[in-house]
Amino acid sequence: MKLEQGQVWKVGDAFLRIVKWQRLSIEYKHITNWETREGEVHKVSKKEFCRLIRPGKLYLGEAEEVSESEDVTGNE
């Protein structure tokens, strides 16, 4: 699985939405309440972001559809 701008990852009770995807860094919004979608924007390296989402799942929509996070480094 590749990281893409706009993806939402659910990690525990929080959501992490990729705001800006760059080659070496990622800006993401840390959202604690999905209904209000308010949160803080953070900038980290891609490696740090992958460590953050490792225990999480890709959030696909309102129906709580999630998939396993496998190989998010982009290696195929």
C-alpha atoms as a PDB file:
ATOM      1  CA  MET A   1       0.000   0.000   0.000  1.00  0.00           C
ATOM      2  CA  LYS A   2       1.289   3.450  -0.867  1.00  0.00           C
ATOM      3  CA  LEU A   3       0.778   6.607   1.112  1.00  0.00           C
ATOM      4  CA  GLU A   4      -1.244   9.243  -0.723  1.00  0.00           C
ATOM      5  CA  GLN A   5      -2.432  12.752   0.009  1.00  0.00           C
ATOM      6  CA  GLY A   6      -5.936  12.720   1.493  1.00  0.00           C
ATOM      7  CA  GLN A   7      -5.710   9.260   3.081  1.00  0.00           C
ATOM      8  CA  VAL A   8      -7.199   8.879   6.546  1.00  0.00           C
ATOM      9  CA  TRP A   9      -5.702   6.426   9.035  1.00  0.00           C
ATOM     10  CA  LYS A  10      -7.454   5.384  12.235  1.00  0.00           C
ATOM     11  CA  VAL A  11      -5.025   4.816  15.090  1.00  0.00           C
ATOM     12  CA  GLY A  12      -6.756   3.985  18.353  1.00  0.00           C
ATOM     13  CA  ASP A  13      -9.463   6.621  18.880  1.00  0.00           C
ATOM     14  CA  ALA A  14      -7.742   9.231  16.699  1.00  0.00           C
ATOM     15  CA  PHE A  15      -7.693   9.849  12.954  1.00  0.00           C
ATOM     16  CA  LEU A  16      -4.628  10.961  10.994  1.00  0.00           C
ATOM     17  CA  ARG A  17      -5.355  12.595   7.618  1.00  0.00           C
ATOM     18  CA  ILE A  18      -2.480  13.228   5.209  1.00  0.00           C
ATOM     19  CA  VAL A  19      -2.679  16.916   4.298  1.00  0.00           C
ATOM     20  CA  LYS A  20       0.503  17.245   2.254  1.00  0.00           C
ATOM     21  CA  TRP A  21       2.581  14.348   0.958  1.00  0.00           C
ATOM     22  CA  GLN A  22       6.175  15.040  -0.069  1.00  0.00           C
ATOM     23  CA  ARG A  23       9.075  12.805  -0.940  1.00  0.00           C
ATOM     24  CA  LEU A  24      10.709  12.903   2.482  1.00  0.00           C
ATOM     25  CA  SER A  25       8.101  14.459   4.771  1.00  0.00           C
ATOM     26  CA  ILE A  26       4.403  14.341   5.494  1.00  0.00           C
ATOM     27  CA  GLU A  27       2.063  16.935   6.955  1.00  0.00           C
ATOM     28  CA  TYR A  28      -0.873  15.310   8.693  1.00  0.00           C
ATOM     29  CA  LYS A  29      -3.852  16.479  10.687  1.00  0.00           C
ATOM     30  CA  HIS A  30      -4.428  14.735  14.023  1.00  0.00           C
ATOM     31  CA  ILE A  31      -8.220  14.564  14.487  1.00  0.00           C
ATOM     32  CA  THR A  32      -9.746  13.352  17.748  1.00  0.00           C
ATOM     33  CA  ASN A  33     -13.424  13.986  16.858  1.00  0.00           C
ATOM     34  CA  TRP A  34     -14.280  12.808  13.339  1.00  0.00           C
ATOM     35  CA  GLU A  35     -17.632  14.628  13.270  1.00  0.00           C
ATOM     36  CA  THR A  36     -16.139  18.100  13.819  1.00  0.00           C
ATOM     37  CA  ARG A  37     -12.891  17.239  11.980  1.00  0.00           C
ATOM     38  CA  GLU A  38     -11.017  19.741  14.117  1.00  0.00           C
ATOM     39  CA  GLY A  39      -7.413  18.988  14.893  1.00  0.00           C
ATOM     40  CA  GLU A  40      -3.782  19.986  14.836  1.00  0.00           C
ATOM     41  CA  VAL A  41      -1.475  19.862  11.816  1.00  0.00           C
ATOM     42  CA  HIS A  42       1.940  18.239  12.328  1.00  0.00           C
ATOM     43  CA  LYS A  43       4.926  17.831  10.007  1.00  0.00           C
ATOM     44  CA  VAL A  44       7.080  14.711  10.361  1.00  0.00           C
ATOM     45  CA  SER A  45       9.389  12.588   8.248  1.00  0.00           C
ATOM     46  CA  LYS A  46       7.840   9.804   6.209  1.00  0.00           C
ATOM     47  CA  LYS A  47       9.600   7.271   8.431  1.00  0.00           C
ATOM     48  CA  GLU A  48       8.075   8.784  11.584  1.00  0.00           C
ATOM     49  CA  PHE A  49       4.613   8.805  10.009  1.00  0.00           C
ATOM     50  CA  CYS A  50       4.892   5.140   9.058  1.00  0.00           C
ATOM     51  CA  ARG A  51       5.783   4.351  12.675  1.00  0.00           C
ATOM     52  CA  LEU A  52       2.709   6.298  13.840  1.00  0.00           C
ATOM     53  CA  ILE A  53       0.279   4.427  11.600  1.00  0.00           C
ATOM     54  CA  ARG A  54       1.767   0.946  12.012  1.00  0.00           C
ATOM     55  CA  PRO A  55      -0.807  -0.093  14.678  1.00  0.00           C
ATOM     56  CA  GLY A  56      -3.604   1.632  12.750  1.00  0.00           C
ATOM     57  CA  LYS A  57      -5.835   0.868   9.805  1.00  0.00           C
ATOM     58  CA  LEU A  58      -6.715   2.753   6.651  1.00  0.00           C
ATOM     59  CA  TYR A  59     -10.104   4.426   7.136  1.00  0.00           C
ATOM     60  CA  LEU A  60     -12.200   4.127   3.989  1.00  0.00           C
ATOM     61  CA  GLY A  61     -15.436   5.850   4.918  1.00  0.00           C
ATOM     62  CA  GLU A  62     -18.342   6.481   7.237  1.00  0.00           C
ATOM     63  CA  ALA A  63     -19.324   2.789   7.247  1.00  0.00           C
ATOM     64  CA  GLU A  64     -16.256   2.080   9.423  1.00  0.00           C
ATOM     65  CA  GLU A  65     -14.610   0.128   6.619  1.00  0.00           C
ATOM     66  CA  VAL A  66     -10.965  -0.403   7.396  1.00  0.00           C
ATOM     67  CA  SER A  67      -8.189  -2.437   5.861  1.00  0.00           C
ATOM     68  CA  GLU A  68      -4.960  -3.731   7.313  1.00  0.00           C
ATOM     69  CA  SER A  69      -1.910  -1.470   7.020  1.00  0.00           C
ATOM     70  CA  GLU A  70       0.620  -3.593   5.157  1.00  0.00           C
ATOM     71  CA  ASP A  71       3.861  -2.243   3.723  1.00  0.00           C
ATOM     72  CA  VAL A  72       3.040   1.468   3.778  1.00  0.00           C
ATOM     73  CA  THR A  73       6.595   2.344   2.810  1.00  0.00           C
ATOM     74  CA  GLY A  74       5.777   2.034  -0.879  1.00  0.00           C
ATOM     75  CA  ASN A  75       7.978  -1.014  -1.413  1.00  0.00           C
ATOM     76  CA  GLU A  76       6.388  -3.499  -3.754  1.00  0.00           C
END
